[in-house]
Amino acid sequence: MKTNIEINNNVKATFDSIESISEVNVSPFFKENVMHKIRNASEEIQDSTWSWFTPKLQLATLVCVVVMNVMAFSNFKANTYDDNISNFTESYGLSTSTESSILN
């Protein structure tokens, strides 16, 4: 176990090392150069993100969405609500029988 004197010596050595820290001289244009590189990098990322979404692709996407909506709407019109309900009840065995029972 360290004695009190050893701990005090370590603390004093730590404070002495803090006094040896000096100011670093930096170029006055360093910050501007770094900020310029950051701005250029972010602009390149933005350009590459939206470059694939050209007007041709936008038009093709719009046509696909419209065609899908028209097909869905026409399919919805073809099937009526009653047909859908009767198909559902028959497939899950929920339909009531129209036959009369012997007990009734």
N, C-alpha and C. Protein backbone atom coordinates (compact mmCIF):
# COMPACT_ATOMS: atom_id res chain seq x y z
N MET A 1 0.84 -1.17 0.00
CA MET A 1 0.00 0.00 0.00
C MET A 1 0.89 1.23 0.00
N LYS A 2 0.50 2.21 -0.78
CA LYS A 2 1.31 3.41 -0.90
C LYS A 2 1.17 4.25 0.37
N THR A 3 2.25 4.81 0.72
CA THR A 3 2.23 5.67 1.91
C THR A 3 1.78 7.06 1.52
N ASN A 4 1.49 7.83 2.49
CA ASN A 4 1.02 9.19 2.29
C ASN A 4 2.06 10.05 1.58
N ILE A 5 3.33 9.81 1.84
CA ILE A 5 4.41 10.60 1.24
C ILE A 5 4.49 10.29 -0.26
N GLU A 6 4.33 9.01 -0.63
CA GLU A 6 4.39 8.63 -2.04
C GLU A 6 3.23 9.26 -2.82
N ILE A 7 2.06 9.27 -2.21
CA ILE A 7 0.90 9.87 -2.88
C ILE A 7 1.12 11.37 -3.07
N ASN A 8 1.65 12.03 -2.06
CA ASN A 8 1.93 13.47 -2.17
C ASN A 8 2.96 13.74 -3.25
N ASN A 9 3.98 12.88 -3.36
CA ASN A 9 5.00 13.05 -4.41
C ASN A 9 4.38 12.90 -5.80
N ASN A 10 3.48 11.93 -5.95
CA ASN A 10 2.81 11.73 -7.24
C ASN A 10 1.93 12.93 -7.60
N VAL A 11 1.23 13.48 -6.62
CA VAL A 11 0.39 14.66 -6.86
C VAL A 11 1.25 15.84 -7.25
N LYS A 12 2.38 16.03 -6.56
CA LYS A 12 3.28 17.14 -6.88
C LYS A 12 3.87 16.98 -8.28
N ALA A 13 4.21 15.76 -8.66
CA ALA A 13 4.76 15.51 -10.00
C ALA A 13 3.70 15.80 -11.07
N THR A 14 2.47 15.49 -10.77
CA THR A 14 1.39 15.76 -11.72
C THR A 14 1.21 17.26 -11.91
N PHE A 15 1.22 18.01 -10.82
CA PHE A 15 1.09 19.47 -10.93
C PHE A 15 2.29 20.10 -11.62
N ASP A 16 3.48 19.55 -11.40
CA ASP A 16 4.66 20.06 -12.10
C ASP A 16 4.57 19.81 -13.61
N SER A 17 4.00 18.69 -14.01
CA SER A 17 3.86 18.42 -15.45
C SER A 17 2.82 19.34 -16.09
N ILE A 18 1.83 19.77 -15.33
CA ILE A 18 0.85 20.70 -15.86
C ILE A 18 1.50 22.04 -16.19
N GLU A 19 2.45 22.48 -15.38
CA GLU A 19 3.12 23.76 -15.61
C GLU A 19 3.96 23.74 -16.88
N SER A 20 4.37 22.55 -17.33
CA SER A 20 5.22 22.48 -18.53
C SER A 20 4.40 22.57 -19.82
N ILE A 21 3.08 22.59 -19.73
CA ILE A 21 2.26 22.71 -20.93
C ILE A 21 2.37 24.13 -21.47
N SER A 22 2.62 24.22 -22.77
CA SER A 22 2.77 25.55 -23.38
C SER A 22 1.76 25.70 -24.52
N GLU A 23 1.58 26.92 -24.96
CA GLU A 23 0.63 27.23 -26.02
C GLU A 23 1.19 26.75 -27.35
N VAL A 24 0.32 26.21 -28.19
CA VAL A 24 0.72 25.72 -29.50
C VAL A 24 0.40 26.79 -30.53
N ASN A 25 1.36 27.04 -31.40
CA ASN A 25 1.14 28.03 -32.46
C ASN A 25 0.53 27.34 -33.68
N VAL A 26 -0.60 27.89 -34.11
CA VAL A 26 -1.34 27.31 -35.23
C VAL A 26 -1.45 28.36 -36.32
N SER A 27 -1.45 27.90 -37.56
CA SER A 27 -1.61 28.81 -38.69
C SER A 27 -2.96 29.53 -38.57
N PRO A 28 -3.00 30.82 -38.90
CA PRO A 28 -4.28 31.55 -38.78
C PRO A 28 -5.33 31.06 -39.79
N PHE A 29 -4.91 30.38 -40.83
CA PHE A 29 -5.85 29.91 -41.84
C PHE A 29 -6.24 28.44 -41.64
N PHE A 30 -5.80 27.85 -40.55
CA PHE A 30 -6.08 26.44 -40.30
C PHE A 30 -7.58 26.19 -40.18
N LYS A 31 -8.26 27.00 -39.39
CA LYS A 31 -9.70 26.81 -39.19
C LYS A 31 -10.45 26.98 -40.52
N GLU A 32 -10.08 27.97 -41.31
CA GLU A 32 -10.75 28.19 -42.59
C GLU A 32 -10.56 27.00 -43.53
N ASN A 33 -9.35 26.46 -43.57
CA ASN A 33 -9.08 25.30 -44.42
C ASN A 33 -9.90 24.08 -43.99
N VAL A 34 -9.96 23.86 -42.70
CA VAL A 34 -10.72 22.71 -42.19
C VAL A 34 -12.21 22.90 -42.49
N MET A 35 -12.74 24.08 -42.25
CA MET A 35 -14.16 24.35 -42.51
C MET A 35 -14.48 24.21 -44.00
N HIS A 36 -13.56 24.66 -44.85
CA HIS A 36 -13.75 24.54 -46.29
C HIS A 36 -13.82 23.06 -46.71
N LYS A 37 -12.94 22.22 -46.15
CA LYS A 37 -12.95 20.80 -46.47
C LYS A 37 -14.23 20.13 -45.99
N ILE A 38 -14.72 20.53 -44.83
CA ILE A 38 -15.96 19.96 -44.30
C ILE A 38 -17.14 20.34 -45.20
N ARG A 39 -17.21 21.61 -45.61
CA ARG A 39 -18.29 22.05 -46.49
C ARG A 39 -18.26 21.31 -47.82
N ASN A 40 -17.08 21.15 -48.39
CA ASN A 40 -16.97 20.45 -49.68
C ASN A 40 -17.38 18.99 -49.56
N ALA A 41 -17.01 18.36 -48.47
CA ALA A 41 -17.37 16.95 -48.27
C ALA A 41 -18.88 16.80 -48.13
N SER A 42 -19.52 17.72 -47.40
CA SER A 42 -20.98 17.60 -47.22
C SER A 42 -21.71 17.91 -48.53
N GLU A 43 -21.20 18.81 -49.35
CA GLU A 43 -21.83 19.09 -50.64
C GLU A 43 -21.72 17.90 -51.58
N GLU A 44 -20.59 17.19 -51.55
CA GLU A 44 -20.42 16.01 -52.39
C GLU A 44 -21.40 14.92 -51.98
N ILE A 45 -21.61 14.77 -50.69
CA ILE A 45 -22.55 13.75 -50.21
C ILE A 45 -23.96 14.10 -50.65
N GLN A 46 -24.36 15.37 -50.55
CA GLN A 46 -25.69 15.77 -50.96
C GLN A 46 -25.88 15.58 -52.47
N ASP A 47 -24.88 15.92 -53.26
CA ASP A 47 -24.99 15.77 -54.71
C ASP A 47 -25.16 14.30 -55.10
N SER A 48 -24.41 13.41 -54.48
CA SER A 48 -24.50 12.01 -54.84
C SER A 48 -25.78 11.37 -54.33
N THR A 49 -26.39 11.94 -53.29
CA THR A 49 -27.62 11.37 -52.75
C THR A 49 -28.77 11.55 -53.73
N TRP A 50 -28.93 12.71 -54.31
CA TRP A 50 -30.07 13.00 -55.17
C TRP A 50 -29.75 12.87 -56.66
N SER A 51 -28.53 12.52 -57.02
CA SER A 51 -28.18 12.45 -58.44
C SER A 51 -28.90 11.30 -59.15
N TRP A 52 -29.23 10.25 -58.46
CA TRP A 52 -29.89 9.11 -59.10
C TRP A 52 -31.36 9.40 -59.37
N PHE A 53 -31.94 10.38 -58.69
CA PHE A 53 -33.37 10.66 -58.83
C PHE A 53 -33.57 11.71 -59.92
N THR A 54 -33.31 11.31 -61.16
CA THR A 54 -33.40 12.21 -62.30
C THR A 54 -34.85 12.38 -62.73
N PRO A 55 -35.16 13.36 -63.56
CA PRO A 55 -36.55 13.55 -64.03
C PRO A 55 -37.11 12.34 -64.75
N LYS A 56 -36.29 11.60 -65.49
CA LYS A 56 -36.78 10.39 -66.16
C LYS A 56 -37.27 9.37 -65.14
N LEU A 57 -36.49 9.19 -64.09
CA LEU A 57 -36.89 8.25 -63.05
C LEU A 57 -38.11 8.75 -62.29
N GLN A 58 -38.21 10.04 -62.10
CA GLN A 58 -39.39 10.59 -61.44
C GLN A 58 -40.64 10.32 -62.27
N LEU A 59 -40.55 10.51 -63.57
CA LEU A 59 -41.68 10.28 -64.45
C LEU A 59 -42.06 8.80 -64.46
N ALA A 60 -41.08 7.92 -64.52
CA ALA A 60 -41.35 6.49 -64.51
C ALA A 60 -42.01 6.06 -63.20
N THR A 61 -41.55 6.62 -62.09
CA THR A 61 -42.14 6.32 -60.79
C THR A 61 -43.58 6.80 -60.72
N LEU A 62 -43.83 7.98 -61.23
CA LEU A 62 -45.19 8.53 -61.24
C LEU A 62 -46.12 7.67 -62.09
N VAL A 63 -45.65 7.22 -63.25
CA VAL A 63 -46.46 6.37 -64.11
C VAL A 63 -46.77 5.05 -63.41
N CYS A 64 -45.77 4.46 -62.77
CA CYS A 64 -46.00 3.19 -62.06
C CYS A 64 -47.02 3.35 -60.94
N VAL A 65 -46.93 4.43 -60.19
CA VAL A 65 -47.88 4.65 -59.10
C VAL A 65 -49.29 4.85 -59.65
N VAL A 66 -49.43 5.60 -60.71
CA VAL A 66 -50.75 5.84 -61.30
C VAL A 66 -51.33 4.53 -61.83
N VAL A 67 -50.54 3.74 -62.54
CA VAL A 67 -51.02 2.47 -63.08
C VAL A 67 -51.44 1.53 -61.96
N MET A 68 -50.65 1.45 -60.91
CA MET A 68 -51.00 0.59 -59.77
C MET A 68 -52.30 1.04 -59.12
N ASN A 69 -52.49 2.35 -58.98
CA ASN A 69 -53.73 2.87 -58.40
C ASN A 69 -54.93 2.57 -59.28
N VAL A 70 -54.79 2.71 -60.59
CA VAL A 70 -55.90 2.42 -61.51
C VAL A 70 -56.25 0.94 -61.44
N MET A 71 -55.25 0.08 -61.42
CA MET A 71 -55.50 -1.36 -61.33
C MET A 71 -56.19 -1.71 -60.01
N ALA A 72 -55.74 -1.15 -58.94
CA ALA A 72 -56.35 -1.44 -57.64
C ALA A 72 -57.79 -0.92 -57.60
N PHE A 73 -58.03 0.24 -58.16
CA PHE A 73 -59.38 0.81 -58.14
C PHE A 73 -60.32 -0.03 -59.00
N SER A 74 -59.85 -0.47 -60.17
CA SER A 74 -60.71 -1.28 -61.03
C SER A 74 -60.99 -2.64 -60.39
N ASN A 75 -60.02 -3.21 -59.72
CA ASN A 75 -60.22 -4.48 -59.03
C ASN A 75 -61.18 -4.30 -57.86
N PHE A 76 -61.11 -3.21 -57.20
CA PHE A 76 -62.00 -2.92 -56.08
C PHE A 76 -63.44 -2.75 -56.57
N LYS A 77 -63.60 -2.12 -57.71
CA LYS A 77 -64.93 -1.94 -58.29
C LYS A 77 -65.54 -3.26 -58.73
N ALA A 78 -64.72 -4.19 -59.21
CA ALA A 78 -65.22 -5.46 -59.72
C ALA A 78 -65.80 -6.32 -58.60
N ASN A 79 -65.20 -6.32 -57.46
CA ASN A 79 -65.67 -7.12 -56.32
C ASN A 79 -66.57 -6.26 -55.45
N THR A 80 -67.71 -6.80 -55.14
CA THR A 80 -68.61 -6.06 -54.26
C THR A 80 -68.37 -6.46 -52.82
N TYR A 81 -68.91 -5.69 -51.93
CA TYR A 81 -68.71 -5.93 -50.51
C TYR A 81 -69.36 -7.25 -50.10
N ASP A 82 -70.55 -7.53 -50.61
CA ASP A 82 -71.25 -8.75 -50.23
C ASP A 82 -70.50 -9.99 -50.70
N ASP A 83 -69.92 -9.94 -51.89
CA ASP A 83 -69.15 -11.08 -52.38
C ASP A 83 -67.94 -11.33 -51.48
N ASN A 84 -67.27 -10.26 -51.08
CA ASN A 84 -66.11 -10.40 -50.21
C ASN A 84 -66.49 -10.99 -48.86
N ILE A 85 -67.60 -10.55 -48.30
CA ILE A 85 -68.04 -11.07 -47.01
C ILE A 85 -68.44 -12.53 -47.11
N SER A 86 -69.16 -12.88 -48.16
CA SER A 86 -69.58 -14.29 -48.30
C SER A 86 -68.37 -15.20 -48.53
N ASN A 87 -67.40 -14.75 -49.29
CA ASN A 87 -66.19 -15.55 -49.48
C ASN A 87 -65.44 -15.72 -48.17
N PHE A 88 -65.38 -14.68 -47.38
CA PHE A 88 -64.69 -14.74 -46.09
C PHE A 88 -65.39 -15.72 -45.15
N THR A 89 -66.71 -15.62 -45.06
CA THR A 89 -67.44 -16.50 -44.13
C THR A 89 -67.38 -17.95 -44.58
N GLU A 90 -67.41 -18.21 -45.87
CA GLU A 90 -67.31 -19.58 -46.35
C GLU A 90 -65.93 -20.17 -46.10
N SER A 91 -64.89 -19.37 -46.31
CA SER A 91 -63.53 -19.89 -46.15
C SER A 91 -63.20 -20.19 -44.69
N TYR A 92 -63.77 -19.48 -43.76
CA TYR A 92 -63.50 -19.71 -42.34
C TYR A 92 -64.62 -20.47 -41.64
N GLY A 93 -65.61 -20.94 -42.38
CA GLY A 93 -66.68 -21.73 -41.81
C GLY A 93 -67.58 -20.94 -40.88
N LEU A 94 -67.76 -19.68 -41.14
CA LEU A 94 -68.58 -18.83 -40.27
C LEU A 94 -69.98 -18.64 -40.82
N SER A 95 -70.28 -19.21 -41.96
CA SER A 95 -71.58 -18.98 -42.58
C SER A 95 -72.66 -19.76 -41.83
N THR A 96 -73.82 -19.19 -41.78
CA THR A 96 -74.95 -19.86 -41.14
C THR A 96 -75.66 -20.72 -42.18
N SER A 97 -76.12 -21.85 -41.78
CA SER A 97 -76.77 -22.73 -42.75
C SER A 97 -78.22 -22.30 -42.93
N THR A 98 -78.70 -22.42 -44.15
CA THR A 98 -80.07 -22.03 -44.45
C THR A 98 -81.02 -23.22 -44.34
N GLU A 99 -80.48 -24.40 -44.09
CA GLU A 99 -81.32 -25.58 -43.95
C GLU A 99 -82.01 -25.56 -42.59
N SER A 100 -83.22 -26.09 -42.57
CA SER A 100 -83.92 -26.13 -41.30
C SER A 100 -83.49 -27.36 -40.50
N SER A 101 -83.43 -27.19 -39.25
CA SER A 101 -83.00 -28.27 -38.38
C SER A 101 -84.19 -29.14 -38.00
N ILE A 102 -83.92 -30.35 -37.64
CA ILE A 102 -84.99 -31.26 -37.21
C ILE A 102 -85.62 -30.78 -35.92
N LEU A 103 -84.80 -30.17 -35.07
CA LEU A 103 -85.31 -29.73 -33.78
C LEU A 103 -86.12 -28.46 -33.89
N ASN A 104 -86.01 -27.71 -34.94
CA ASN A 104 -86.77 -26.46 -35.06
C ASN A 104 -88.12 -26.68 -35.59
